[in-house]
Amino acid sequence: MNSPGVLDYLIVVVFLILNIIIAFYFSRKEKSLKSYFQSEGKLSWFVSGTAMVATTFAADTPLAVTELVYANGVSGNWLWWYMCIGTLVTVYVFAPLWKKSGVVTDVELIEIRYSGKGAKYLRIFKSIYLGLFLNILILGWVNLAMQKIAEVLLPEYSSVLVVSFLCVFAFVYTAWVGLTGISYVDTFQFFFAIGGCILLAYFAINLPEIGGMEGLKNKIDP
C-alpha cells in the first residue's frame, strides 16, 4: 500500500483548520449555561438532525456497514435502521416535553419524576452508568477502529499517538464550543465524511483488482 502523499496531508490539515474555524466562530455565541448545553432552542431542524446522524458516524461506520451488506444483503442494515423509530418518537413526543420541563440534562428528569433518596441514588447511578461505563465502551470500539486505520495509513507513526492526538483535539473543541458549535461542526464533518465515503467507494470499485460493478458482481458469491 502507498504511503500518504502531500495531497493527503493537505486535506487532513485543511479539515482540521476548518473544524477550528467553525468551532471558534460559534464559541463566541455561547453566553449562558443554557445556551452551552441546549443552544437555547435556536438550532434549525436540519442542523440538529444532521448532527444527530453525524454522532453515529465514526471511523468504523463505512467498514461495519460494508460488512453487514456483504454478509446479509441490504436488509442487514436493520441492525441500526430500527433506531429511526426511537429517534422519531424522541423528536415528536419527548423533545417538546423536555423543553417544557426546563431541564438542562437528562438526569434532571429523574428528580422531576421521582423524589427522596431513591431519586438521588438513581441519578448518581445513571450518571456513572451512562456517562462513564457506556461511553467508555463506545469510545473503545471507535478508537480501536481508528487505531487499526492509522496502523495501515500511517505506519511510520505510532497509532496510539495518532489516536491520542485526535482524542485530545476532539475533547478540546467539544468542551470549548458547546452544543451550538459542536452541532455545526458535526454537520460539516458529516458531509465531509459522506463525500469521502462516496469517493472511496468509486475509486475502490474501479480498481483493476475489482473491475467495476460488473467485476464486483462476478466476484461476490451468489
C-alpha atoms as a PDB file:
ATOM      1  CA  MET A   1       0.000   0.000   0.000  1.00  0.00           C
ATOM      2  CA  ASN A   2       1.240   3.502  -0.909  1.00  0.00           C
ATOM      3  CA  SER A   3       2.066   5.907   1.918  1.00  0.00           C
ATOM      4  CA  PRO A   4       0.044   9.136   2.189  1.00  0.00           C
ATOM      5  CA  GLY A   5       1.309  11.892  -0.085  1.00  0.00           C
ATOM      6  CA  VAL A   6       1.402  15.667   0.189  1.00  0.00           C
ATOM      7  CA  LEU A   7      -2.196  15.979  -1.037  1.00  0.00           C
ATOM      8  CA  ASP A   8      -3.404  13.551   1.638  1.00  0.00           C
ATOM      9  CA  TYR A   9      -1.729  15.503   4.429  1.00  0.00           C
ATOM     10  CA  LEU A  10      -3.002  18.780   2.955  1.00  0.00           C
ATOM     11  CA  ILE A  11      -6.595  17.507   3.044  1.00  0.00           C
ATOM     12  CA  VAL A  12      -6.201  16.475   6.695  1.00  0.00           C
ATOM     13  CA  VAL A  13      -4.703  19.854   7.654  1.00  0.00           C
ATOM     14  CA  VAL A  14      -7.437  21.785   5.827  1.00  0.00           C
ATOM     15  CA  PHE A  15     -10.065  19.599   7.509  1.00  0.00           C
ATOM     16  CA  LEU A  16      -8.666  20.302  10.980  1.00  0.00           C
ATOM     17  CA  ILE A  17      -8.338  24.035  10.282  1.00  0.00           C
ATOM     18  CA  LEU A  18     -11.943  24.263   9.073  1.00  0.00           C
ATOM     19  CA  ASN A  19     -13.077  22.498  12.246  1.00  0.00           C
ATOM     20  CA  ILE A  20     -11.200  25.034  14.356  1.00  0.00           C
ATOM     21  CA  ILE A  21     -12.647  27.976  12.413  1.00  0.00           C
ATOM     22  CA  ILE A  22     -16.218  26.722  12.790  1.00  0.00           C
ATOM     23  CA  ALA A  23     -15.654  25.953  16.480  1.00  0.00           C
ATOM     24  CA  PHE A  24     -14.108  29.376  17.138  1.00  0.00           C
ATOM     25  CA  TYR A  25     -16.902  31.223  15.331  1.00  0.00           C
ATOM     26  CA  PHE A  26     -19.713  29.576  17.256  1.00  0.00           C
ATOM     27  CA  SER A  27     -17.898  29.564  20.611  1.00  0.00           C
ATOM     28  CA  ARG A  28     -18.427  33.325  20.744  1.00  0.00           C
ATOM     29  CA  LYS A  29     -22.203  32.830  20.707  1.00  0.00           C
ATOM     30  CA  GLU A  30     -22.396  30.786  23.923  1.00  0.00           C
ATOM     31  CA  LYS A  31     -23.319  33.259  26.652  1.00  0.00           C
ATOM     32  CA  SER A  32     -25.004  31.118  29.298  1.00  0.00           C
ATOM     33  CA  LEU A  33     -25.147  27.600  30.693  1.00  0.00           C
ATOM     34  CA  LYS A  34     -28.435  27.020  28.890  1.00  0.00           C
ATOM     35  CA  SER A  35     -27.034  28.109  25.534  1.00  0.00           C
ATOM     36  CA  TYR A  36     -23.951  25.945  26.109  1.00  0.00           C
ATOM     37  CA  PHE A  37     -25.972  22.762  26.712  1.00  0.00           C
ATOM     38  CA  GLN A  38     -29.187  23.499  24.784  1.00  0.00           C
ATOM     39  CA  SER A  39     -28.359  26.227  22.275  1.00  0.00           C
ATOM     40  CA  GLU A  40     -31.410  27.995  23.739  1.00  0.00           C
ATOM     41  CA  GLY A  41     -33.598  26.040  21.313  1.00  0.00           C
ATOM     42  CA  LYS A  42     -32.373  28.029  18.292  1.00  0.00           C
ATOM     43  CA  LEU A  43     -30.851  25.235  16.216  1.00  0.00           C
ATOM     44  CA  SER A  44     -32.621  24.533  12.933  1.00  0.00           C
ATOM     45  CA  TRP A  45     -34.123  21.097  12.347  1.00  0.00           C
ATOM     46  CA  PHE A  46     -31.602  20.475   9.576  1.00  0.00           C
ATOM     47  CA  VAL A  47     -28.532  21.169  11.723  1.00  0.00           C
ATOM     48  CA  SER A  48     -29.975  19.295  14.719  1.00  0.00           C
ATOM     49  CA  GLY A  49     -30.877  16.239  12.646  1.00  0.00           C
ATOM     50  CA  THR A  50     -27.623  16.159  10.700  1.00  0.00           C
ATOM     51  CA  ALA A  51     -25.624  16.488  13.917  1.00  0.00           C
ATOM     52  CA  MET A  52     -27.524  13.515  15.396  1.00  0.00           C
ATOM     53  CA  VAL A  53     -26.688  11.423  12.338  1.00  0.00           C
ATOM     54  CA  ALA A  54     -23.060  12.558  12.407  1.00  0.00           C
ATOM     55  CA  THR A  55     -22.805  11.440  16.031  1.00  0.00           C
ATOM     56  CA  THR A  56     -23.348   7.843  14.891  1.00  0.00           C
ATOM     57  CA  PHE A  57     -20.749   8.195  12.113  1.00  0.00           C
ATOM     58  CA  ALA A  58     -17.323   7.003  13.276  1.00  0.00           C
ATOM     59  CA  ALA A  59     -14.167   5.635  11.672  1.00  0.00           C
ATOM     60  CA  ASP A  60     -15.623   2.133  11.714  1.00  0.00           C
ATOM     61  CA  THR A  61     -19.023   3.032  10.212  1.00  0.00           C
ATOM     62  CA  PRO A  62     -18.234   2.511   6.495  1.00  0.00           C
ATOM     63  CA  LEU A  63     -16.425  -0.734   7.306  1.00  0.00           C
ATOM     64  CA  ALA A  64     -19.242  -2.011   9.528  1.00  0.00           C
ATOM     65  CA  VAL A  65     -21.988  -1.181   7.011  1.00  0.00           C
ATOM     66  CA  THR A  66     -19.989  -2.792   4.198  1.00  0.00           C
ATOM     67  CA  GLU A  67     -19.620  -5.979   6.238  1.00  0.00           C
ATOM     68  CA  LEU A  68     -23.337  -6.016   7.101  1.00  0.00           C
ATOM     69  CA  VAL A  69     -24.366  -5.667   3.457  1.00  0.00           C
ATOM     70  CA  TYR A  70     -21.813  -8.236   2.297  1.00  0.00           C
ATOM     71  CA  ALA A  71     -22.894 -10.800   4.892  1.00  0.00           C
ATOM     72  CA  ASN A  72     -26.663 -10.225   4.977  1.00  0.00           C
ATOM     73  CA  GLY A  73     -27.590  -8.092   1.991  1.00  0.00           C
ATOM     74  CA  VAL A  74     -29.146  -4.648   2.275  1.00  0.00           C
ATOM     75  CA  SER A  75     -31.539  -5.983   4.931  1.00  0.00           C
ATOM     76  CA  GLY A  76     -28.551  -6.382   7.262  1.00  0.00           C
ATOM     77  CA  ASN A  77     -28.781  -2.639   7.857  1.00  0.00           C
ATOM     78  CA  TRP A  78     -31.862  -3.224  10.008  1.00  0.00           C
ATOM     79  CA  LEU A  79     -29.317  -3.788  12.776  1.00  0.00           C
ATOM     80  CA  TRP A  80     -29.249   0.006  13.028  1.00  0.00           C
ATOM     81  CA  TRP A  81     -32.194   1.147  10.884  1.00  0.00           C
ATOM     82  CA  TYR A  82     -34.592   0.182  13.690  1.00  0.00           C
ATOM     83  CA  MET A  83     -33.280   3.111  15.722  1.00  0.00           C
ATOM     84  CA  CYS A  84     -35.132   5.542  13.440  1.00  0.00           C
ATOM     85  CA  ILE A  85     -38.338   4.611  15.303  1.00  0.00           C
ATOM     86  CA  GLY A  86     -36.927   5.757  18.632  1.00  0.00           C
ATOM     87  CA  THR A  87     -35.494   8.871  17.006  1.00  0.00           C
ATOM     88  CA  LEU A  88     -38.887   9.887  15.596  1.00  0.00           C
ATOM     89  CA  VAL A  89     -40.554   9.336  18.974  1.00  0.00           C
ATOM     90  CA  THR A  90     -37.839  11.420  20.637  1.00  0.00           C
ATOM     91  CA  VAL A  91     -38.269  14.299  18.188  1.00  0.00           C
ATOM     92  CA  TYR A  92     -42.066  14.475  18.115  1.00  0.00           C
ATOM     93  CA  VAL A  93     -43.034  13.231  21.597  1.00  0.00           C
ATOM     94  CA  PHE A  94     -40.249  13.616  24.137  1.00  0.00           C
ATOM     95  CA  ALA A  95     -38.419  16.703  22.838  1.00  0.00           C
ATOM     96  CA  PRO A  96     -41.406  19.066  23.335  1.00  0.00           C
ATOM     97  CA  LEU A  97     -41.959  17.656  26.837  1.00  0.00           C
ATOM     98  CA  TRP A  98     -38.254  18.029  27.627  1.00  0.00           C
ATOM     99  CA  LYS A  99     -38.299  21.675  26.516  1.00  0.00           C
ATOM    100  CA  LYS A 100     -41.440  22.320  28.557  1.00  0.00           C
ATOM    101  CA  SER A 101     -39.833  20.873  31.710  1.00  0.00           C
ATOM    102  CA  GLY A 102     -36.961  23.358  31.527  1.00  0.00           C
ATOM    103  CA  VAL A 103     -34.260  20.821  32.428  1.00  0.00           C
ATOM    104  CA  VAL A 104     -30.745  21.094  31.005  1.00  0.00           C
ATOM    105  CA  THR A 105     -29.565  17.470  31.238  1.00  0.00           C
ATOM    106  CA  ASP A 106     -31.499  14.205  31.051  1.00  0.00           C
ATOM    107  CA  VAL A 107     -30.608  13.121  34.594  1.00  0.00           C
ATOM    108  CA  GLU A 108     -32.516  16.145  35.913  1.00  0.00           C
ATOM    109  CA  LEU A 109     -35.699  14.483  34.678  1.00  0.00           C
ATOM    110  CA  ILE A 110     -35.239  11.799  37.334  1.00  0.00           C
ATOM    111  CA  GLU A 111     -35.697  14.245  40.208  1.00  0.00           C
ATOM    112  CA  ILE A 112     -38.758  15.716  38.495  1.00  0.00           C
ATOM    113  CA  ARG A 113     -40.372  12.307  38.088  1.00  0.00           C
ATOM    114  CA  TYR A 114     -39.251  10.822  41.426  1.00  0.00           C
ATOM    115  CA  SER A 115     -38.464  12.148  44.895  1.00  0.00           C
ATOM    116  CA  GLY A 116     -36.482  11.292  48.002  1.00  0.00           C
ATOM    117  CA  LYS A 117     -33.198   9.447  48.333  1.00  0.00           C
ATOM    118  CA  GLY A 118     -34.201   6.940  45.656  1.00  0.00           C
ATOM    119  CA  ALA A 119     -34.260   9.690  43.036  1.00  0.00           C
ATOM    120  CA  LYS A 120     -30.870  10.938  44.175  1.00  0.00           C
ATOM    121  CA  TYR A 121     -29.271   7.484  44.015  1.00  0.00           C
ATOM    122  CA  LEU A 122     -30.879   6.735  40.640  1.00  0.00           C
ATOM    123  CA  ARG A 123     -29.490   9.990  39.275  1.00  0.00           C
ATOM    124  CA  ILE A 124     -25.998   9.115  40.526  1.00  0.00           C
ATOM    125  CA  PHE A 125     -26.248   5.586  39.133  1.00  0.00           C
ATOM    126  CA  LYS A 126     -27.422   6.790  35.727  1.00  0.00           C
ATOM    127  CA  SER A 127     -24.669   9.411  35.591  1.00  0.00           C
ATOM    128  CA  ILE A 128     -21.997   6.800  36.283  1.00  0.00           C
ATOM    129  CA  TYR A 129     -23.516   4.055  34.113  1.00  0.00           C
ATOM    130  CA  LEU A 130     -24.211   6.187  31.030  1.00  0.00           C
ATOM    131  CA  GLY A 131     -21.568   8.855  31.497  1.00  0.00           C
ATOM    132  CA  LEU A 132     -18.710   6.516  32.355  1.00  0.00           C
ATOM    133  CA  PHE A 133     -19.157   2.825  31.550  1.00  0.00           C
ATOM    134  CA  LEU A 134     -21.331   3.080  28.425  1.00  0.00           C
ATOM    135  CA  ASN A 135     -19.261   5.925  26.986  1.00  0.00           C
ATOM    136  CA  ILE A 136     -16.047   4.004  27.638  1.00  0.00           C
ATOM    137  CA  LEU A 137     -17.468   1.054  25.690  1.00  0.00           C
ATOM    138  CA  ILE A 138     -18.488   3.255  22.742  1.00  0.00           C
ATOM    139  CA  LEU A 139     -15.222   5.200  22.708  1.00  0.00           C
ATOM    140  CA  GLY A 140     -13.318   1.931  22.955  1.00  0.00           C
ATOM    141  CA  TRP A 141     -14.668   0.384  19.768  1.00  0.00           C
ATOM    142  CA  VAL A 142     -14.485   3.556  17.611  1.00  0.00           C
ATOM    143  CA  ASN A 143     -10.971   4.376  18.795  1.00  0.00           C
ATOM    144  CA  LEU A 144      -9.878   0.787  18.175  1.00  0.00           C
ATOM    145  CA  ALA A 145     -11.155   1.147  14.605  1.00  0.00           C
ATOM    146  CA  MET A 146      -9.267   4.434  14.232  1.00  0.00           C
ATOM    147  CA  GLN A 147      -6.117   2.807  15.605  1.00  0.00           C
ATOM    148  CA  LYS A 148      -6.327  -0.019  13.047  1.00  0.00           C
ATOM    149  CA  ILE A 149      -6.833   2.511  10.244  1.00  0.00           C
ATOM    150  CA  ALA A 150      -3.862   4.565  11.467  1.00  0.00           C
ATOM    151  CA  GLU A 151      -1.660   1.456  11.526  1.00  0.00           C
ATOM    152  CA  VAL A 152      -2.325   0.979   7.802  1.00  0.00           C
ATOM    153  CA  LEU A 153      -2.401   4.583   6.592  1.00  0.00           C
ATOM    154  CA  LEU A 154       0.334   5.993   8.842  1.00  0.00           C
ATOM    155  CA  PRO A 155       2.723   3.095   9.526  1.00  0.00           C
ATOM    156  CA  GLU A 156       5.607   5.497  10.163  1.00  0.00           C
ATOM    157  CA  TYR A 157       3.812   6.940  13.203  1.00  0.00           C
ATOM    158  CA  SER A 158       2.642   5.333  16.427  1.00  0.00           C
ATOM    159  CA  SER A 159      -1.063   4.553  16.047  1.00  0.00           C
ATOM    160  CA  VAL A 160      -1.529   5.158  19.780  1.00  0.00           C
ATOM    161  CA  LEU A 161      -0.107   8.671  19.441  1.00  0.00           C
ATOM    162  CA  VAL A 162      -2.272   9.388  16.385  1.00  0.00           C
ATOM    163  CA  VAL A 163      -5.456   8.323  18.184  1.00  0.00           C
ATOM    164  CA  SER A 164      -4.396  10.190  21.338  1.00  0.00           C
ATOM    165  CA  PHE A 165      -3.897  13.393  19.339  1.00  0.00           C
ATOM    166  CA  LEU A 166      -7.321  13.040  17.711  1.00  0.00           C
ATOM    167  CA  CYS A 167      -8.972  12.384  21.093  1.00  0.00           C
ATOM    168  CA  VAL A 168      -7.376  15.460  22.668  1.00  0.00           C
ATOM    169  CA  PHE A 169      -8.264  17.584  19.637  1.00  0.00           C
ATOM    170  CA  ALA A 170     -11.903  16.432  19.721  1.00  0.00           C
ATOM    171  CA  PHE A 171     -12.133  16.889  23.504  1.00  0.00           C
ATOM    172  CA  VAL A 172     -10.793  20.445  23.393  1.00  0.00           C
ATOM    173  CA  TYR A 173     -13.079  21.801  20.700  1.00  0.00           C
ATOM    174  CA  THR A 174     -16.106  19.897  22.029  1.00  0.00           C
ATOM    175  CA  ALA A 175     -15.687  21.302  25.544  1.00  0.00           C
ATOM    176  CA  TRP A 176     -14.898  24.707  24.094  1.00  0.00           C
ATOM    177  CA  VAL A 177     -17.852  25.411  21.817  1.00  0.00           C
ATOM    178  CA  GLY A 178     -20.944  23.931  23.460  1.00  0.00           C
ATOM    179  CA  LEU A 179     -23.962  22.454  21.680  1.00  0.00           C
ATOM    180  CA  THR A 180     -24.337  25.150  19.012  1.00  0.00           C
ATOM    181  CA  GLY A 181     -20.748  24.959  17.851  1.00  0.00           C
ATOM    182  CA  ILE A 182     -20.493  21.188  18.017  1.00  0.00           C
ATOM    183  CA  SER A 183     -23.731  20.802  16.044  1.00  0.00           C
ATOM    184  CA  TYR A 184     -22.390  22.931  13.194  1.00  0.00           C
ATOM    185  CA  VAL A 185     -19.018  21.179  13.348  1.00  0.00           C
ATOM    186  CA  ASP A 186     -20.825  17.821  13.231  1.00  0.00           C
ATOM    187  CA  THR A 187     -22.842  18.971  10.215  1.00  0.00           C
ATOM    188  CA  PHE A 188     -19.663  19.927   8.375  1.00  0.00           C
ATOM    189  CA  GLN A 189     -17.975  16.668   9.341  1.00  0.00           C
ATOM    190  CA  PHE A 190     -20.989  14.647   8.187  1.00  0.00           C
ATOM    191  CA  PHE A 191     -20.892  15.985   4.632  1.00  0.00           C
ATOM    192  CA  PHE A 192     -17.102  15.766   4.581  1.00  0.00           C
ATOM    193  CA  ALA A 193     -17.258  12.112   5.668  1.00  0.00           C
ATOM    194  CA  ILE A 194     -20.108  11.218   3.292  1.00  0.00           C
ATOM    195  CA  GLY A 195     -18.199  12.805   0.414  1.00  0.00           C
ATOM    196  CA  GLY A 196     -15.106  10.827   1.392  1.00  0.00           C
ATOM    197  CA  CYS A 197     -17.082   7.577   1.531  1.00  0.00           C
ATOM    198  CA  ILE A 198     -18.553   8.169  -1.930  1.00  0.00           C
ATOM    199  CA  LEU A 199     -15.110   8.875  -3.379  1.00  0.00           C
ATOM    200  CA  LEU A 200     -13.649   5.842  -1.594  1.00  0.00           C
ATOM    201  CA  ALA A 201     -16.382   3.600  -2.984  1.00  0.00           C
ATOM    202  CA  TYR A 202     -15.882   4.973  -6.501  1.00  0.00           C
ATOM    203  CA  PHE A 203     -12.116   4.505  -6.537  1.00  0.00           C
ATOM    204  CA  ALA A 204     -12.302   1.118  -4.789  1.00  0.00           C
ATOM    205  CA  ILE A 205     -14.816  -0.305  -7.275  1.00  0.00           C
ATOM    206  CA  ASN A 206     -12.739   0.907 -10.221  1.00  0.00           C
ATOM    207  CA  LEU A 207      -9.513  -0.698  -9.021  1.00  0.00           C
ATOM    208  CA  PRO A 208      -8.061  -3.178 -11.551  1.00  0.00           C
ATOM    209  CA  GLU A 209      -8.494  -5.938  -8.961  1.00  0.00           C
ATOM    210  CA  ILE A 210     -12.261  -5.257  -8.850  1.00  0.00           C
ATOM    211  CA  GLY A 211     -13.043  -4.295 -12.426  1.00  0.00           C
ATOM    212  CA  GLY A 212     -16.011  -2.022 -11.842  1.00  0.00           C
ATOM    213  CA  MET A 213     -19.543  -3.008 -10.833  1.00  0.00           C
ATOM    214  CA  GLU A 214     -19.663  -5.972 -13.205  1.00  0.00           C
ATOM    215  CA  GLY A 215     -16.393  -7.290 -11.863  1.00  0.00           C
ATOM    216  CA  LEU A 216     -17.649  -6.830  -8.303  1.00  0.00           C
ATOM    217  CA  LYS A 217     -20.851  -8.767  -9.049  1.00  0.00           C
ATOM    218  CA  ASN A 218     -18.870 -11.608 -10.592  1.00  0.00           C
ATOM    219  CA  LYS A 219     -16.576 -11.853  -7.560  1.00  0.00           C
ATOM    220  CA  ILE A 220     -19.377 -11.973  -4.975  1.00  0.00           C
ATOM    221  CA  ASP A 221     -20.676 -15.410  -4.109  1.00  0.00           C
ATOM    222  CA  PRO A 222     -24.310 -15.896  -5.225  1.00  0.00           C
END
